[in-house]
């Protein structure tokens, strides 16, 4: 298609996003001031779905894919289906310290911009409300229920300190460990006890020692969540939670086995019984950024004045968008919020509701919509996207 036609479509997308800027900022603040944890994001959905229905999506279906706080809206009937994902859950105690208020509004803003840019015969645009990214893996459940079966490409954008077109996000396995020992008076008859806290501490120290000998594209971290009830009682129960992260799926599985050995060492050393729940149904896969799609996003972002940082072998965390990227060509770029502040901190919570952060969110929405225009109107780009995805899977 002619470049002029594509440029005109991108301009329509930008105008639509900017026209909705006030509403998007209001919704962002509303979600921010009402932080909701995984699978309880009812207030957020109540803000986002009506906005979409008022801007081109005739019906946004709530409670889809077996999840009360998931939603889906469809527009158009063209030959390529473009999905944009919106997240909106918060973190315990520190609220929107990962900026999901901005992810949600960038997502719905991009969807509205793309609808304004295209004709229904150009593409099908799908907006997916994806709950429980922080705790629960909502997209993992949605994949199992077929949410991405009819999708050609999937996109979302995430706030961070800087813009990165293709962040190297790690896969992550979450494991809860419980040790069962035998409680006795710690002074009267300690020889009769089996100390579950000692088992956890032994395992924790073994994992800490393992950290020195893992690859640079992996991470191990955890906390003790239960250490007993009283100092004069040998703990009969103790528990911990750990995360195992790696950029390569094979290495993630290898690390899990080595960490499991650390847990078993704790049980063997103390005579306690071990329970380890790896939550494999909600394990996050590494992000497989689609190169042509990421390059298109970067080009559009740079046209808006964004400046991207090139990073290699640096972790930017994990996301259930990694699972999506394993089943359809996907991108998960980050956008800076105007301050060099890291996610999952109280300072980030405060930063993601500023005017500067909202301006970055609007530009991310524009860049996503413009990238969607490229996918819809440039058949050669779609061909390269699919070829890159097929090659990465080999």
Protein backbone atom coordinates (compact mmCIF):
# COMPACT_ATOMS: atom_id res chain seq x y z
CA UNK A 1 0.00 0.00 0.00
CA UNK A 2 1.16 3.55 -0.72
CA UNK A 3 3.25 5.20 1.97
CA UNK A 4 0.96 8.24 1.91
CA UNK A 5 -2.03 6.04 2.70
CA UNK A 6 -0.22 4.42 5.63
CA UNK A 7 0.98 7.79 6.93
CA UNK A 8 -2.56 9.16 6.76
CA UNK A 9 -3.84 6.16 8.73
CA UNK A 10 -1.18 6.68 11.37
CA UNK A 11 -2.15 10.32 11.66
CA UNK A 12 -5.79 9.31 12.23
CA UNK A 13 -4.61 6.96 14.97
CA UNK A 14 -2.67 9.72 16.68
CA UNK A 15 -5.58 12.15 16.50
CA UNK A 16 -7.91 9.57 18.07
CA UNK A 17 -5.51 8.91 20.95
CA UNK A 18 -5.01 12.62 21.58
CA UNK A 19 -8.75 13.28 21.42
CA UNK A 20 -9.22 10.71 24.19
CA UNK A 21 -6.22 11.92 26.22
CA UNK A 22 -8.29 13.48 29.00
CA UNK A 23 -10.42 10.37 29.43
CA UNK A 24 -7.38 8.10 29.41
CA UNK A 25 -5.63 10.15 32.09
CA UNK A 26 -8.79 10.17 34.21
CA UNK A 27 -9.11 6.37 33.93
CA UNK A 28 -5.44 5.96 34.80
CA UNK A 29 -5.89 8.01 37.97
CA UNK A 30 -9.08 6.16 38.85
CA UNK A 31 -7.36 2.77 38.55
CA UNK A 32 -4.34 4.10 40.45
CA UNK A 33 -6.36 5.34 43.42
CA UNK A 34 -8.32 2.04 43.58
CA UNK A 35 -5.56 -0.62 43.42
CA UNK A 36 -6.96 -4.13 43.06
CA UNK A 37 -5.12 -7.43 43.36
CA UNK A 38 -5.19 -10.38 40.97
CA UNK A 39 -8.64 -11.51 39.82
CA UNK A 40 -10.36 -8.75 41.84
CA UNK A 41 -9.93 -5.90 39.33
CA UNK A 42 -13.65 -5.13 39.10
CA UNK A 43 -13.35 -1.35 39.41
CA UNK A 44 -10.68 -1.23 36.71
CA UNK A 45 -12.84 -3.23 34.29
CA UNK A 46 -15.76 -0.92 35.09
CA UNK A 47 -13.64 2.01 33.85
CA UNK A 48 -12.08 0.42 30.79
CA UNK A 49 -14.95 -1.49 29.17
CA UNK A 50 -17.37 1.48 28.91
CA UNK A 51 -14.58 3.63 27.47
CA UNK A 52 -14.03 1.10 24.70
CA UNK A 53 -17.76 0.79 24.03
CA UNK A 54 -17.93 4.55 23.64
CA UNK A 55 -15.07 4.62 21.15
CA UNK A 56 -15.78 2.10 18.40
CA UNK A 57 -16.20 -1.27 20.09
CA UNK A 58 -19.89 -2.12 19.95
CA UNK A 59 -19.68 -4.70 22.73
CA UNK A 60 -16.97 -5.51 25.21
CA UNK A 61 -17.66 -8.91 26.70
CA UNK A 62 -16.83 -9.23 30.39
CA UNK A 63 -15.99 -12.40 32.30
CA UNK A 64 -14.46 -14.17 29.29
CA UNK A 65 -12.23 -17.27 29.28
CA UNK A 66 -13.48 -18.34 32.69
CA UNK A 67 -12.06 -15.25 34.42
CA UNK A 68 -14.43 -12.75 36.01
CA UNK A 69 -12.17 -9.76 35.42
CA UNK A 70 -11.02 -10.58 31.88
CA UNK A 71 -12.68 -8.89 28.92
CA UNK A 72 -12.59 -8.89 25.13
CA UNK A 73 -13.72 -6.47 22.46
CA UNK A 74 -13.68 -7.13 18.68
CA UNK A 75 -13.82 -4.72 15.76
CA UNK A 76 -13.46 -5.24 12.00
CA UNK A 77 -13.29 -8.31 9.80
CA UNK A 78 -10.06 -7.99 7.84
CA UNK A 79 -7.57 -10.73 6.99
CA UNK A 80 -5.16 -10.07 9.90
CA UNK A 81 -6.13 -10.09 13.59
CA UNK A 82 -4.21 -7.73 15.86
CA UNK A 83 -4.57 -8.12 19.63
CA UNK A 84 -3.65 -5.44 22.14
CA UNK A 85 -3.38 -6.51 25.78
CA UNK A 86 -4.29 -4.39 28.78
CA UNK A 87 -3.18 -5.18 32.35
CA UNK A 88 -4.66 -3.51 35.42
CA UNK A 89 -3.86 -5.46 38.60
CA UNK A 90 -1.84 -3.98 41.46
CA UNK A 91 0.75 -5.24 43.93
CA UNK A 92 0.08 -5.97 47.62
CA UNK A 93 0.73 -3.00 49.93
CA UNK A 94 2.43 -0.74 47.35
CA UNK A 95 -0.41 -0.48 44.82
CA UNK A 96 0.43 0.30 41.21
CA UNK A 97 4.18 0.07 41.67
CA UNK A 98 4.44 -1.59 38.27
CA UNK A 99 2.33 1.03 36.51
CA UNK A 100 -0.49 -1.18 35.30
CA UNK A 101 -2.75 1.87 35.33
CA UNK A 102 -0.60 3.07 32.42
CA UNK A 103 -0.51 -0.34 30.71
CA UNK A 104 -4.31 -0.46 30.78
CA UNK A 105 -4.81 3.02 29.36
CA UNK A 106 -2.03 2.67 26.78
CA UNK A 107 -3.71 -0.56 25.66
CA UNK A 108 -7.25 0.75 25.31
CA UNK A 109 -5.93 4.00 23.86
CA UNK A 110 -4.01 2.07 21.20
CA UNK A 111 -7.08 -0.03 20.37
CA UNK A 112 -9.21 3.07 19.92
CA UNK A 113 -6.51 4.70 17.80
CA UNK A 114 -6.23 1.65 15.57
CA UNK A 115 -9.99 1.47 15.04
CA UNK A 116 -10.02 5.14 14.01
CA UNK A 117 -7.12 4.57 11.61
CA UNK A 118 -8.44 1.56 9.68
CA UNK A 119 -11.43 0.40 7.67
CA UNK A 120 -13.21 -2.73 8.99
CA UNK A 121 -12.01 -4.70 5.95
CA UNK A 122 -8.36 -3.85 6.70
CA UNK A 123 -8.01 -5.89 9.89
CA UNK A 124 -9.73 -7.29 12.93
CA UNK A 125 -8.72 -5.45 16.10
CA UNK A 126 -9.04 -7.29 19.43
CA UNK A 127 -8.61 -5.64 22.81
CA UNK A 128 -7.99 -8.13 25.62
CA UNK A 129 -8.29 -7.24 29.27
CA UNK A 130 -5.80 -9.55 30.98
CA UNK A 131 -6.05 -9.77 34.80
CA UNK A 132 -3.59 -11.07 37.37
CA UNK A 133 -0.22 -10.48 35.75
CA UNK A 134 1.50 -9.87 39.08
CA UNK A 135 0.09 -12.81 41.00
CA UNK A 136 -1.61 -15.61 39.13
CA UNK A 137 -0.70 -15.50 35.44
CA UNK A 138 -4.00 -14.40 33.91
CA UNK A 139 -2.67 -14.64 30.36
CA UNK A 140 -1.53 -18.22 31.01
CA UNK A 141 -5.10 -19.16 31.91
CA UNK A 142 -6.43 -17.20 28.92
CA UNK A 143 -4.10 -19.08 26.58
CA UNK A 144 -5.43 -22.39 27.90
CA UNK A 145 -8.98 -21.17 27.23
CA UNK A 146 -8.19 -20.23 23.61
CA UNK A 147 -7.94 -16.45 23.91
CA UNK A 148 -5.06 -16.27 21.41
CA UNK A 149 -6.11 -19.07 19.05
CA UNK A 150 -7.40 -16.61 16.42
CA UNK A 151 -4.72 -13.93 16.90
CA UNK A 152 -1.99 -13.12 14.35
CA UNK A 153 0.05 -10.66 16.45
CA UNK A 154 -0.19 -9.46 20.06
CA UNK A 155 1.16 -6.24 21.55
CA UNK A 156 1.35 -4.32 24.80
CA UNK A 157 3.65 -1.70 26.33
CA UNK A 158 4.95 -1.49 29.89
CA UNK A 159 6.17 1.55 31.87
CA UNK A 160 9.72 1.48 33.19
CA UNK A 161 12.58 3.89 33.74
CA UNK A 162 13.59 3.83 30.05
CA UNK A 163 12.31 2.87 26.59
CA UNK A 164 13.39 -0.57 25.37
CA UNK A 165 11.91 -1.97 22.16
CA UNK A 166 12.68 -5.63 22.89
CA UNK A 167 13.41 -6.12 26.62
CA UNK A 168 15.05 -9.48 27.44
CA UNK A 169 12.45 -10.64 29.96
CA UNK A 170 13.11 -13.85 31.86
CA UNK A 171 10.91 -16.87 32.34
CA UNK A 172 10.01 -17.46 35.97
CA UNK A 173 8.97 -20.44 38.07
CA UNK A 174 7.35 -19.82 41.46
CA UNK A 175 7.72 -22.45 44.16
CA UNK A 176 6.20 -22.63 47.64
CA UNK A 177 8.10 -24.85 50.07
CA UNK A 178 6.77 -26.26 53.35
CA UNK A 179 8.73 -28.38 55.85
CA UNK A 180 7.01 -30.50 58.49
CA UNK A 181 8.97 -31.38 61.63
CA UNK A 182 8.12 -32.29 65.23
CA UNK A 183 7.36 -29.73 67.92
CA UNK A 184 8.76 -30.14 71.45
CA UNK A 185 9.87 -27.81 74.24
CA UNK A 186 13.11 -26.30 72.99
CA UNK A 187 14.74 -26.55 76.43
CA UNK A 188 13.17 -29.59 78.07
CA UNK A 189 13.57 -32.17 75.29
CA UNK A 190 15.09 -30.67 72.13
CA UNK A 191 16.49 -34.07 71.13
CA UNK A 192 12.92 -35.25 70.52
CA UNK A 193 12.23 -32.51 67.97
CA UNK A 194 12.64 -32.08 64.24
CA UNK A 195 13.30 -28.43 63.46
CA UNK A 196 11.40 -27.30 60.35
CA UNK A 197 12.96 -23.82 60.56
CA UNK A 198 16.42 -25.37 60.37
CA UNK A 199 15.30 -27.16 57.21
CA UNK A 200 14.20 -23.88 55.62
CA UNK A 201 17.38 -22.09 56.67
CA UNK A 202 19.54 -24.91 55.28
CA UNK A 203 17.64 -24.77 51.98
CA UNK A 204 17.83 -20.97 51.87
CA UNK A 205 21.59 -21.02 52.42
CA UNK A 206 22.02 -23.70 49.74
CA UNK A 207 20.09 -21.57 47.24
CA UNK A 208 22.14 -18.52 48.22
CA UNK A 209 25.35 -20.46 47.58
CA UNK A 210 24.01 -21.66 44.23
CA UNK A 211 23.57 -18.04 43.08
CA UNK A 212 27.32 -17.67 42.58
CA UNK A 213 27.31 -20.45 40.01
CA UNK A 214 24.40 -19.59 37.74
CA UNK A 215 24.43 -17.84 34.38
CA UNK A 216 24.16 -14.08 34.08
CA UNK A 217 20.79 -14.39 32.38
CA UNK A 218 19.22 -16.07 35.41
CA UNK A 219 18.08 -15.06 38.88
CA UNK A 220 17.26 -16.83 42.17
CA UNK A 221 15.50 -15.11 45.05
CA UNK A 222 13.12 -15.94 47.88
CA UNK A 223 11.83 -15.25 51.38
CA UNK A 224 10.98 -17.26 54.49
CA UNK A 225 7.24 -16.91 55.05
CA UNK A 226 6.82 -19.01 58.22
CA UNK A 227 9.49 -19.65 60.84
CA UNK A 228 7.56 -21.05 63.78
CA UNK A 229 5.29 -19.75 66.54
CA UNK A 230 7.48 -19.28 69.64
CA UNK A 231 11.18 -19.28 70.45
CA UNK A 232 10.79 -21.97 73.12
CA UNK A 233 9.05 -24.42 70.78
CA UNK A 234 10.97 -26.35 68.15
CA UNK A 235 9.17 -25.28 64.96
CA UNK A 236 7.07 -28.10 63.55
CA UNK A 237 6.26 -26.12 60.42
CA UNK A 238 8.24 -23.64 58.36
CA UNK A 239 7.75 -22.31 54.85
CA UNK A 240 9.38 -20.24 52.13
CA UNK A 241 8.66 -18.90 48.66
CA UNK A 242 11.26 -18.73 45.90
CA UNK A 243 11.41 -17.52 42.30
CA UNK A 244 13.66 -19.14 39.70
CA UNK A 245 14.23 -17.04 36.57
CA UNK A 246 16.08 -17.66 33.31
CA UNK A 247 16.06 -16.30 29.78
CA UNK A 248 16.25 -19.72 28.12
CA UNK A 249 13.48 -22.28 28.73
CA UNK A 250 15.91 -25.21 28.94
CA UNK A 251 18.09 -23.49 31.50
CA UNK A 252 15.02 -22.58 33.55
CA UNK A 253 14.16 -26.27 33.82
CA UNK A 254 17.76 -27.12 34.73
CA UNK A 255 17.81 -24.48 37.46
CA UNK A 256 14.54 -25.76 38.88
CA UNK A 257 16.10 -29.19 39.34
CA UNK A 258 19.13 -27.72 41.09
CA UNK A 259 16.97 -25.63 43.42
CA UNK A 260 14.84 -28.68 44.17
CA UNK A 261 18.06 -30.36 45.28
CA UNK A 262 18.63 -27.50 47.73
CA UNK A 263 15.19 -28.10 49.19
CA UNK A 264 15.82 -31.82 49.51
CA UNK A 265 19.12 -31.08 51.28
CA UNK A 266 17.20 -29.18 53.94
CA UNK A 267 14.90 -32.12 54.51
CA UNK A 268 17.74 -34.65 54.58
CA UNK A 269 19.82 -32.62 57.04
CA UNK A 270 17.00 -32.18 59.55
CA UNK A 271 14.83 -35.25 59.15
CA UNK A 272 11.83 -33.11 58.20
CA UNK A 273 9.28 -33.84 55.49
CA UNK A 274 9.28 -31.62 52.41
CA UNK A 275 6.41 -30.31 50.26
CA UNK A 276 7.33 -28.27 47.18
CA UNK A 277 4.62 -26.82 44.95
CA UNK A 278 6.10 -25.44 41.71
CA UNK A 279 2.81 -24.03 40.36
CA UNK A 280 3.66 -25.31 36.91
CA UNK A 281 0.24 -24.36 35.52
CA UNK A 282 1.09 -20.68 35.99
CA UNK A 283 4.80 -20.67 35.12
CA UNK A 284 5.89 -17.65 33.06
CA UNK A 285 7.83 -18.35 29.88
CA UNK A 286 10.71 -16.13 28.67
CA UNK A 287 9.67 -13.31 26.37
CA UNK A 288 10.32 -14.04 22.69
CA UNK A 289 10.20 -10.56 21.14
CA UNK A 290 9.29 -10.68 17.48
CA UNK A 291 12.11 -8.78 15.77
CA UNK A 292 10.27 -7.23 12.78
CA UNK A 293 7.36 -6.22 15.02
CA UNK A 294 9.70 -4.70 17.62
CA UNK A 295 11.57 -2.83 14.90
CA UNK A 296 8.30 -1.40 13.59
CA UNK A 297 7.34 -0.27 17.09
CA UNK A 298 10.73 1.32 17.62
CA UNK A 299 10.54 3.19 14.31
CA UNK A 300 7.10 4.54 15.20
CA UNK A 301 8.20 5.47 18.71
CA UNK A 302 11.25 7.32 17.37
CA UNK A 303 8.99 9.21 14.97
CA UNK A 304 7.16 10.48 18.07
CA UNK A 305 10.40 11.53 19.74
CA UNK A 306 10.97 8.48 21.95
CA UNK A 307 14.59 7.43 22.50
CA UNK A 308 15.31 3.74 22.95
CA UNK A 309 18.03 2.09 24.99
CA UNK A 310 19.74 -1.00 23.58
CA UNK A 311 20.32 -3.62 26.27
CA UNK A 312 21.78 -7.11 26.14
CA UNK A 313 21.69 -9.78 28.85
CA UNK A 314 20.04 -7.44 31.34
CA UNK A 315 16.88 -8.61 33.09
CA UNK A 316 13.82 -6.39 33.09
CA UNK A 317 11.80 -8.89 35.11
CA UNK A 318 9.22 -11.42 33.95
CA UNK A 319 5.70 -11.33 32.55
CA UNK A 320 2.97 -13.71 31.47
CA UNK A 321 3.25 -11.90 28.13
CA UNK A 322 6.19 -14.27 27.71
CA UNK A 323 3.70 -17.13 27.45
CA UNK A 324 1.76 -15.22 24.80
CA UNK A 325 4.98 -14.66 22.85
CA UNK A 326 5.50 -18.42 22.67
CA UNK A 327 2.16 -18.97 20.88
CA UNK A 328 1.79 -15.85 18.66
CA UNK A 329 4.23 -13.20 17.40
CA UNK A 330 4.39 -10.61 20.18
CA UNK A 331 6.11 -7.53 21.56
CA UNK A 332 6.29 -6.14 25.08
CA UNK A 333 8.28 -2.87 24.77
CA UNK A 334 8.85 -0.60 27.75
CA UNK A 335 8.37 3.16 27.89
CA UNK A 336 10.08 5.56 30.26
CA UNK A 337 8.00 7.61 32.68
CA UNK A 338 10.38 10.58 32.92
CA UNK A 339 12.19 9.49 36.08
CA UNK A 340 15.02 7.02 36.68
CA UNK A 341 13.02 4.97 39.18
CA UNK A 342 12.72 1.20 39.30
CA UNK A 343 9.46 -0.74 39.29
CA UNK A 344 7.99 -2.38 42.41
CA UNK A 345 8.93 0.50 44.70
CA UNK A 346 6.75 3.12 46.45
CA UNK A 347 8.55 5.78 44.42
CA UNK A 348 7.41 4.15 41.17
CA UNK A 349 3.84 4.04 42.49
CA UNK A 350 3.93 7.81 42.89
CA UNK A 351 5.65 8.40 39.55
CA UNK A 352 3.16 6.55 37.33
CA UNK A 353 0.34 9.00 37.99
CA UNK A 354 2.21 12.20 37.08
CA UNK A 355 1.49 14.33 34.03
CA UNK A 356 4.85 13.29 32.55
CA UNK A 357 3.97 9.61 32.94
CA UNK A 358 0.60 10.19 31.31
CA UNK A 359 2.26 11.89 28.35
CA UNK A 360 4.54 8.86 27.94
CA UNK A 361 1.50 6.58 28.15
CA UNK A 362 -0.19 8.52 25.34
CA UNK A 363 2.90 8.25 23.15
CA UNK A 364 3.08 4.50 23.84
CA UNK A 365 -0.58 4.20 22.81
CA UNK A 366 0.16 6.13 19.61
CA UNK A 367 3.20 3.97 18.82
CA UNK A 368 1.24 0.75 19.39
CA UNK A 369 -1.60 1.97 17.16
CA UNK A 370 0.83 3.08 14.46
CA UNK A 371 2.52 -0.32 14.59
CA UNK A 372 -0.88 -1.94 14.21
CA UNK A 373 -1.41 0.16 11.08
CA UNK A 374 1.86 -1.16 9.67
CA UNK A 375 0.81 -4.75 10.37
CA UNK A 376 -2.61 -4.23 8.79
CA UNK A 377 -1.53 -2.31 5.68
CA UNK A 378 1.93 -3.73 4.91
CA UNK A 379 1.61 -7.39 3.82
CA UNK A 380 5.39 -7.73 3.57
CA UNK A 381 5.79 -6.77 7.24
CA UNK A 382 3.28 -9.42 8.28
CA UNK A 383 5.15 -11.98 6.18
CA UNK A 384 8.43 -11.12 7.94
CA UNK A 385 6.74 -11.21 11.34
CA UNK A 386 5.46 -14.73 10.72
CA UNK A 387 8.79 -15.89 9.28
CA UNK A 388 10.67 -14.60 12.32
CA UNK A 389 8.24 -16.33 14.67
CA UNK A 390 8.57 -19.62 12.81
CA UNK A 391 12.37 -19.40 12.82
CA UNK A 392 12.51 -18.61 16.54
CA UNK A 393 10.46 -21.67 17.32
CA UNK A 394 12.92 -24.06 15.69
